[in-house]
Every structure is written in structure tokens, then in C-alpha cells.
């Protein structure tokens, strides 16, 4: 068994569990992670501590740093995710600064920036960092390709939800709440983490 599985508890029926905190204040993200990790021996708990974010255009750098900070401050193994929105025609803007773009810009602002641009390709990049209490973080990456809508939208959700049409899908903001959760369950980087867990827990 990998040494990473250091913090184990024997539960009823002799099953071995990994105690793990998912550091996020977003209840939907926690629900998505819980659904993906069904069938594993992970005992996932939520932590809502505020985590500082370094200034980098790479979501992997942000997730790597944040996971170590959270691990050191909580004193236990953690998992953390960071998501970025990379618009080709804007040289990857806003990247991992989606939270700030939500405060600074409207969908109309972004669409104006894209006026006259032929390339409307966009990538949603997610990095999941698993940071064991006694070793370096492991990183898992997932990417979703899509297009930026040409229509002004004023629906629900974040700037990303109101701008991005993933391949073979409709605009994210037009999904129902259940469809929205199902979408992110399907494309979550937690699937890669789950595969790693299943290959290392025995």
C-alpha cells in the first residue's frame, strides 16, 4: 500500500478509509466531489477556510501552492481545486482570475473585447491538487474545450456560465440546476483522482 495512505482508520466491517478534507466554500463543488468519489474508501469532509492564492496564469501553480498552505494550516491531508477560463483570442485572459473577472466585467464587456475576432475558442482548465500531510502534492488536470457565445446573455451563474458553450452542450447558464451539477460531475478532475485512489488503496 502506498505510504501516502498514512492516516487510516478501520471502520465497521474492516474497511480502510482515507480521511481527507476538500477545501472549498462552494457547496455545489463539495456535492460534485462526493458524487464522483462514491465507491472509494475516501472519507471526504469539507473545510471552508480562506486560502491565499498566488498570482500566476497557471491553475496548476495556484492549486499546488494553495494545497500546501491548506495542508500546513489544517495539519491533515487535503484536496483543493482551481479552475481557469482561457480565451484564445485574449491571450488566455482571464485564466485563473475568473473570480476577479466576475467582479470587474460583464458578459457585454467580454463580448466587446472579442469584436472582430474570428477565434472564439475557450478552454476551461481545472487542476486538482491532493496534498498528503507528509509529502508533496499530486496534481490532476482536466480540460474542457468550448466556444464563447456571440449573443449577449443576462442569465444566472458566473461570467463563465454566461459566456461558455462547451462542445456538444448548450450555454452553461441555460442548464437547470440538476443538469449543471451533472455536467460538472461528468467532467470533474475528481475522476482522475478517483482512478488514482482505486489503483493505490489495495
C-alpha atoms as a PDB file:
ATOM      1  CA  UNK A   1       0.000   0.000   0.000  1.00  0.00           C
ATOM      2  CA  UNK A   2       1.321   3.482  -0.842  1.00  0.00           C
ATOM      3  CA  UNK A   3       2.833   5.393   2.089  1.00  0.00           C
ATOM      4  CA  UNK A   4       0.501   8.261   1.202  1.00  0.00           C
ATOM      5  CA  UNK A   5      -2.287   6.234   2.812  1.00  0.00           C
ATOM      6  CA  UNK A   6      -0.776   7.028   6.181  1.00  0.00           C
ATOM      7  CA  UNK A   7      -3.818   8.345   8.005  1.00  0.00           C
ATOM      8  CA  UNK A   8      -6.099   5.355   8.069  1.00  0.00           C
ATOM      9  CA  UNK A   9      -8.948   4.333  10.265  1.00  0.00           C
ATOM     10  CA  UNK A  10     -10.573   0.952  10.462  1.00  0.00           C
ATOM     11  CA  UNK A  11     -14.307   1.445  10.061  1.00  0.00           C
ATOM     12  CA  UNK A  12     -17.146  -1.065  10.535  1.00  0.00           C
ATOM     13  CA  UNK A  13     -16.777  -4.266   8.519  1.00  0.00           C
ATOM     14  CA  UNK A  14     -12.994  -3.805   8.440  1.00  0.00           C
ATOM     15  CA  UNK A  15     -12.892  -1.256   5.630  1.00  0.00           C
ATOM     16  CA  UNK A  16      -9.908   1.095   5.453  1.00  0.00           C
ATOM     17  CA  UNK A  17     -10.636   4.784   4.920  1.00  0.00           C
ATOM     18  CA  UNK A  18      -8.541   7.783   3.910  1.00  0.00           C
ATOM     19  CA  UNK A  19      -9.559  10.844   5.944  1.00  0.00           C
ATOM     20  CA  UNK A  20      -9.441  13.829   3.593  1.00  0.00           C
ATOM     21  CA  UNK A  21     -10.571  17.461   3.647  1.00  0.00           C
ATOM     22  CA  UNK A  22     -11.796  19.163   0.477  1.00  0.00           C
ATOM     23  CA  UNK A  23     -11.013  22.842   0.948  1.00  0.00           C
ATOM     24  CA  UNK A  24     -13.823  24.813  -0.673  1.00  0.00           C
ATOM     25  CA  UNK A  25     -16.570  27.158   0.438  1.00  0.00           C
ATOM     26  CA  UNK A  26     -18.714  26.098  -2.524  1.00  0.00           C
ATOM     27  CA  UNK A  27     -21.365  23.546  -1.502  1.00  0.00           C
ATOM     28  CA  UNK A  28     -22.001  22.542  -5.133  1.00  0.00           C
ATOM     29  CA  UNK A  29     -18.314  21.683  -5.596  1.00  0.00           C
ATOM     30  CA  UNK A  30     -18.408  19.539  -2.474  1.00  0.00           C
ATOM     31  CA  UNK A  31     -21.532  17.738  -3.716  1.00  0.00           C
ATOM     32  CA  UNK A  32     -19.860  17.071  -7.070  1.00  0.00           C
ATOM     33  CA  UNK A  33     -16.724  15.676  -5.415  1.00  0.00           C
ATOM     34  CA  UNK A  34     -18.775  13.472  -3.108  1.00  0.00           C
ATOM     35  CA  UNK A  35     -20.728  12.023  -6.026  1.00  0.00           C
ATOM     36  CA  UNK A  36     -17.599  11.307  -8.065  1.00  0.00           C
ATOM     37  CA  UNK A  37     -15.814   9.620  -5.152  1.00  0.00           C
ATOM     38  CA  UNK A  38     -18.652   7.205  -4.452  1.00  0.00           C
ATOM     39  CA  UNK A  39     -17.279   3.675  -4.432  1.00  0.00           C
ATOM     40  CA  UNK A  40     -13.920   4.646  -2.970  1.00  0.00           C
ATOM     41  CA  UNK A  41     -12.693   4.389   0.606  1.00  0.00           C
ATOM     42  CA  UNK A  42     -12.300   8.157   0.977  1.00  0.00           C
ATOM     43  CA  UNK A  43     -13.992   9.807   3.929  1.00  0.00           C
ATOM     44  CA  UNK A  44     -14.361  13.326   2.479  1.00  0.00           C
ATOM     45  CA  UNK A  45     -15.056  16.321   4.698  1.00  0.00           C
ATOM     46  CA  UNK A  46     -15.437  19.979   3.768  1.00  0.00           C
ATOM     47  CA  UNK A  47     -13.285  22.823   5.044  1.00  0.00           C
ATOM     48  CA  UNK A  48     -14.256  26.435   4.317  1.00  0.00           C
ATOM     49  CA  UNK A  49     -11.041  28.114   5.420  1.00  0.00           C
ATOM     50  CA  UNK A  50      -9.907  31.051   3.289  1.00  0.00           C
ATOM     51  CA  UNK A  51      -6.840  30.120   1.278  1.00  0.00           C
ATOM     52  CA  UNK A  52      -4.481  32.723  -0.241  1.00  0.00           C
ATOM     53  CA  UNK A  53      -3.913  32.471  -3.997  1.00  0.00           C
ATOM     54  CA  UNK A  54      -0.605  33.256  -5.653  1.00  0.00           C
ATOM     55  CA  UNK A  55      -0.564  35.422  -8.766  1.00  0.00           C
ATOM     56  CA  UNK A  56       0.053  33.042 -11.671  1.00  0.00           C
ATOM     57  CA  UNK A  57      -1.576  32.397 -15.036  1.00  0.00           C
ATOM     58  CA  UNK A  58      -1.341  28.632 -14.443  1.00  0.00           C
ATOM     59  CA  UNK A  59      -4.083  26.950 -12.422  1.00  0.00           C
ATOM     60  CA  UNK A  60      -1.590  24.219 -11.518  1.00  0.00           C
ATOM     61  CA  UNK A  61       0.652  26.749  -9.739  1.00  0.00           C
ATOM     62  CA  UNK A  62      -2.308  28.142  -7.815  1.00  0.00           C
ATOM     63  CA  UNK A  63      -3.631  24.724  -6.792  1.00  0.00           C
ATOM     64  CA  UNK A  64      -0.153  23.481  -5.835  1.00  0.00           C
ATOM     65  CA  UNK A  65       0.535  26.426  -3.538  1.00  0.00           C
ATOM     66  CA  UNK A  66      -2.978  26.529  -2.069  1.00  0.00           C
ATOM     67  CA  UNK A  67      -2.990  22.823  -1.234  1.00  0.00           C
ATOM     68  CA  UNK A  68       0.292  23.068   0.678  1.00  0.00           C
ATOM     69  CA  UNK A  69      -0.895  26.148   2.550  1.00  0.00           C
ATOM     70  CA  UNK A  70      -4.168  24.432   3.497  1.00  0.00           C
ATOM     71  CA  UNK A  71      -2.349  21.216   4.487  1.00  0.00           C
ATOM     72  CA  UNK A  72       0.072  23.122   6.733  1.00  0.00           C
ATOM     73  CA  UNK A  73      -2.686  25.146   8.386  1.00  0.00           C
ATOM     74  CA  UNK A  74      -5.137  22.271   8.879  1.00  0.00           C
ATOM     75  CA  UNK A  75      -2.479  19.734   9.770  1.00  0.00           C
ATOM     76  CA  UNK A  76      -4.021  16.980   7.665  1.00  0.00           C
ATOM     77  CA  UNK A  77      -4.271  15.677   4.092  1.00  0.00           C
ATOM     78  CA  UNK A  78      -6.270  17.950   1.799  1.00  0.00           C
ATOM     79  CA  UNK A  79      -7.548  18.217  -1.726  1.00  0.00           C
ATOM     80  CA  UNK A  80      -8.167  21.522  -3.461  1.00  0.00           C
ATOM     81  CA  UNK A  81      -9.219  22.510  -6.986  1.00  0.00           C
ATOM     82  CA  UNK A  82      -8.606  25.585  -9.074  1.00  0.00           C
ATOM     83  CA  UNK A  83     -10.403  26.425 -12.317  1.00  0.00           C
ATOM     84  CA  UNK A  84      -9.393  28.871 -15.027  1.00  0.00           C
ATOM     85  CA  UNK A  85     -11.075  30.271 -18.131  1.00  0.00           C
ATOM     86  CA  UNK A  86      -8.658  30.686 -21.034  1.00  0.00           C
ATOM     87  CA  UNK A  87      -9.951  32.639 -24.049  1.00  0.00           C
ATOM     88  CA  UNK A  88      -7.670  32.105 -27.042  1.00  0.00           C
ATOM     89  CA  UNK A  89      -8.293  35.463 -28.714  1.00  0.00           C
ATOM     90  CA  UNK A  90      -7.492  37.284 -25.450  1.00  0.00           C
ATOM     91  CA  UNK A  91      -4.171  35.502 -24.915  1.00  0.00           C
ATOM     92  CA  UNK A  92      -5.616  33.273 -22.234  1.00  0.00           C
ATOM     93  CA  UNK A  93      -7.389  36.008 -20.266  1.00  0.00           C
ATOM     94  CA  UNK A  94      -8.813  35.816 -17.610  1.00  0.00           C
ATOM     95  CA  UNK A  95      -7.093  32.492 -16.831  1.00  0.00           C
ATOM     96  CA  UNK A  96      -7.282  31.625 -13.123  1.00  0.00           C
ATOM     97  CA  UNK A  97      -8.553  35.130 -12.288  1.00  0.00           C
ATOM     98  CA  UNK A  98     -12.169  34.227 -13.015  1.00  0.00           C
ATOM     99  CA  UNK A  99     -13.283  35.298  -9.536  1.00  0.00           C
ATOM    100  CA  UNK A 100     -11.932  38.784 -10.133  1.00  0.00           C
ATOM    101  CA  UNK A 101     -13.282  38.963 -13.674  1.00  0.00           C
ATOM    102  CA  UNK A 102     -16.737  38.239 -12.241  1.00  0.00           C
ATOM    103  CA  UNK A 103     -16.419  41.435 -10.201  1.00  0.00           C
ATOM    104  CA  UNK A 104     -14.785  43.579 -12.832  1.00  0.00           C
ATOM    105  CA  UNK A 105     -16.525  42.611 -16.085  1.00  0.00           C
ATOM    106  CA  UNK A 106     -19.952  41.894 -17.528  1.00  0.00           C
ATOM    107  CA  UNK A 107     -20.646  39.493 -20.384  1.00  0.00           C
ATOM    108  CA  UNK A 108     -21.054  42.552 -22.629  1.00  0.00           C
ATOM    109  CA  UNK A 109     -17.546  43.738 -21.690  1.00  0.00           C
ATOM    110  CA  UNK A 110     -16.037  40.422 -22.746  1.00  0.00           C
ATOM    111  CA  UNK A 111     -18.051  40.277 -25.966  1.00  0.00           C
ATOM    112  CA  UNK A 112     -16.843  43.775 -26.858  1.00  0.00           C
ATOM    113  CA  UNK A 113     -13.258  42.642 -26.355  1.00  0.00           C
ATOM    114  CA  UNK A 114     -13.935  39.853 -28.871  1.00  0.00           C
ATOM    115  CA  UNK A 115     -15.489  42.071 -31.553  1.00  0.00           C
ATOM    116  CA  UNK A 116     -13.748  41.385 -34.853  1.00  0.00           C
ATOM    117  CA  UNK A 117     -12.036  38.262 -33.503  1.00  0.00           C
ATOM    118  CA  UNK A 118     -12.620  35.115 -35.550  1.00  0.00           C
ATOM    119  CA  UNK A 119     -11.268  32.698 -32.962  1.00  0.00           C
ATOM    120  CA  UNK A 120     -13.804  32.282 -30.154  1.00  0.00           C
ATOM    121  CA  UNK A 121     -12.248  29.111 -28.750  1.00  0.00           C
ATOM    122  CA  UNK A 122     -12.089  28.872 -24.983  1.00  0.00           C
ATOM    123  CA  UNK A 123     -10.741  26.270 -22.559  1.00  0.00           C
ATOM    124  CA  UNK A 124     -11.926  25.614 -19.027  1.00  0.00           C
ATOM    125  CA  UNK A 125      -8.888  24.207 -17.225  1.00  0.00           C
ATOM    126  CA  UNK A 126      -9.185  22.505 -13.854  1.00  0.00           C
ATOM    127  CA  UNK A 127      -6.333  21.382 -11.636  1.00  0.00           C
ATOM    128  CA  UNK A 128      -6.935  19.185  -8.604  1.00  0.00           C
ATOM    129  CA  UNK A 129      -4.137  19.093  -6.039  1.00  0.00           C
ATOM    130  CA  UNK A 130      -4.048  16.294  -3.459  1.00  0.00           C
ATOM    131  CA  UNK A 131      -1.620  17.211  -0.690  1.00  0.00           C
ATOM    132  CA  UNK A 132      -0.851  14.430   1.815  1.00  0.00           C
ATOM    133  CA  UNK A 133       0.171  15.538   5.283  1.00  0.00           C
ATOM    134  CA  UNK A 134       3.726  14.249   4.859  1.00  0.00           C
ATOM    135  CA  UNK A 135       4.596  14.558   1.162  1.00  0.00           C
ATOM    136  CA  UNK A 136       4.386  16.808  -1.887  1.00  0.00           C
ATOM    137  CA  UNK A 137       1.115  17.493  -3.743  1.00  0.00           C
ATOM    138  CA  UNK A 138      -0.035  15.275  -6.588  1.00  0.00           C
ATOM    139  CA  UNK A 139      -1.696  17.166  -9.453  1.00  0.00           C
ATOM    140  CA  UNK A 140      -4.521  16.009 -11.718  1.00  0.00           C
ATOM    141  CA  UNK A 141      -5.566  18.026 -14.782  1.00  0.00           C
ATOM    142  CA  UNK A 142      -8.742  18.140 -16.849  1.00  0.00           C
ATOM    143  CA  UNK A 143      -9.666  20.460 -19.719  1.00  0.00           C
ATOM    144  CA  UNK A 144     -12.966  21.302 -21.419  1.00  0.00           C
ATOM    145  CA  UNK A 145     -12.995  22.931 -24.851  1.00  0.00           C
ATOM    146  CA  UNK A 146     -15.778  25.270 -25.844  1.00  0.00           C
ATOM    147  CA  UNK A 147     -16.754  28.441 -27.679  1.00  0.00           C
ATOM    148  CA  UNK A 148     -17.630  31.911 -26.468  1.00  0.00           C
ATOM    149  CA  UNK A 149     -21.227  32.754 -27.282  1.00  0.00           C
ATOM    150  CA  UNK A 150     -21.933  35.556 -29.767  1.00  0.00           C
ATOM    151  CA  UNK A 151     -25.137  36.560 -28.003  1.00  0.00           C
ATOM    152  CA  UNK A 152     -25.493  38.835 -25.004  1.00  0.00           C
ATOM    153  CA  UNK A 153     -26.777  36.873 -22.048  1.00  0.00           C
ATOM    154  CA  UNK A 154     -28.083  38.004 -18.692  1.00  0.00           C
ATOM    155  CA  UNK A 155     -28.981  34.656 -17.172  1.00  0.00           C
ATOM    156  CA  UNK A 156     -27.915  33.001 -13.955  1.00  0.00           C
ATOM    157  CA  UNK A 157     -24.473  31.966 -12.930  1.00  0.00           C
ATOM    158  CA  UNK A 158     -20.964  33.335 -13.187  1.00  0.00           C
ATOM    159  CA  UNK A 159     -19.330  35.125 -16.091  1.00  0.00           C
ATOM    160  CA  UNK A 160     -18.045  31.749 -17.285  1.00  0.00           C
ATOM    161  CA  UNK A 161     -21.523  30.225 -17.148  1.00  0.00           C
ATOM    162  CA  UNK A 162     -22.974  33.073 -19.224  1.00  0.00           C
ATOM    163  CA  UNK A 163     -20.239  33.011 -21.875  1.00  0.00           C
ATOM    164  CA  UNK A 164     -19.149  29.409 -22.478  1.00  0.00           C
ATOM    165  CA  UNK A 165     -20.800  26.860 -24.752  1.00  0.00           C
ATOM    166  CA  UNK A 166     -18.899  23.584 -24.218  1.00  0.00           C
ATOM    167  CA  UNK A 167     -18.611  21.196 -27.151  1.00  0.00           C
ATOM    168  CA  UNK A 168     -21.852  19.239 -27.660  1.00  0.00           C
ATOM    169  CA  UNK A 169     -23.645  21.298 -24.997  1.00  0.00           C
ATOM    170  CA  UNK A 170     -25.731  24.417 -24.643  1.00  0.00           C
ATOM    171  CA  UNK A 171     -24.706  27.565 -22.806  1.00  0.00           C
ATOM    172  CA  UNK A 172     -23.860  26.636 -19.215  1.00  0.00           C
ATOM    173  CA  UNK A 173     -26.220  29.242 -17.776  1.00  0.00           C
ATOM    174  CA  UNK A 174     -29.141  27.632 -19.642  1.00  0.00           C
ATOM    175  CA  UNK A 175     -28.734  24.323 -17.814  1.00  0.00           C
ATOM    176  CA  UNK A 176     -31.115  23.522 -14.982  1.00  0.00           C
ATOM    177  CA  UNK A 177     -29.590  23.160 -11.511  1.00  0.00           C
ATOM    178  CA  UNK A 178     -29.600  19.350 -11.794  1.00  0.00           C
ATOM    179  CA  UNK A 179     -28.157  19.458 -15.328  1.00  0.00           C
ATOM    180  CA  UNK A 180     -25.468  21.876 -14.168  1.00  0.00           C
ATOM    181  CA  UNK A 181     -24.369  19.531 -11.370  1.00  0.00           C
ATOM    182  CA  UNK A 182     -24.492  16.523 -13.729  1.00  0.00           C
ATOM    183  CA  UNK A 183     -22.308  18.374 -16.245  1.00  0.00           C
ATOM    184  CA  UNK A 184     -19.589  19.088 -13.697  1.00  0.00           C
ATOM    185  CA  UNK A 185     -19.819  15.584 -12.242  1.00  0.00           C
ATOM    186  CA  UNK A 186     -19.152  14.214 -15.738  1.00  0.00           C
ATOM    187  CA  UNK A 187     -16.150  16.447 -16.446  1.00  0.00           C
ATOM    188  CA  UNK A 188     -14.664  16.800 -12.956  1.00  0.00           C
ATOM    189  CA  UNK A 189     -10.953  16.234 -12.362  1.00  0.00           C
ATOM    190  CA  UNK A 190     -12.045  14.185  -9.358  1.00  0.00           C
ATOM    191  CA  UNK A 191     -12.481  11.271 -11.799  1.00  0.00           C
ATOM    192  CA  UNK A 192      -8.713  11.234 -12.349  1.00  0.00           C
ATOM    193  CA  UNK A 193      -8.146  11.398  -8.611  1.00  0.00           C
ATOM    194  CA  UNK A 194     -10.638   8.560  -8.123  1.00  0.00           C
ATOM    195  CA  UNK A 195      -8.766   6.399 -10.640  1.00  0.00           C
ATOM    196  CA  UNK A 196      -5.535   7.038  -8.743  1.00  0.00           C
ATOM    197  CA  UNK A 197      -7.199   6.179  -5.428  1.00  0.00           C
ATOM    198  CA  UNK A 198      -8.632   2.909  -6.733  1.00  0.00           C
ATOM    199  CA  UNK A 199      -5.217   1.879  -8.064  1.00  0.00           C
ATOM    200  CA  UNK A 200      -3.442   2.636  -4.778  1.00  0.00           C
ATOM    201  CA  UNK A 201      -5.832   1.744  -1.980  1.00  0.00           C
ATOM    202  CA  UNK A 202      -5.258  -2.017  -2.054  1.00  0.00           C
END
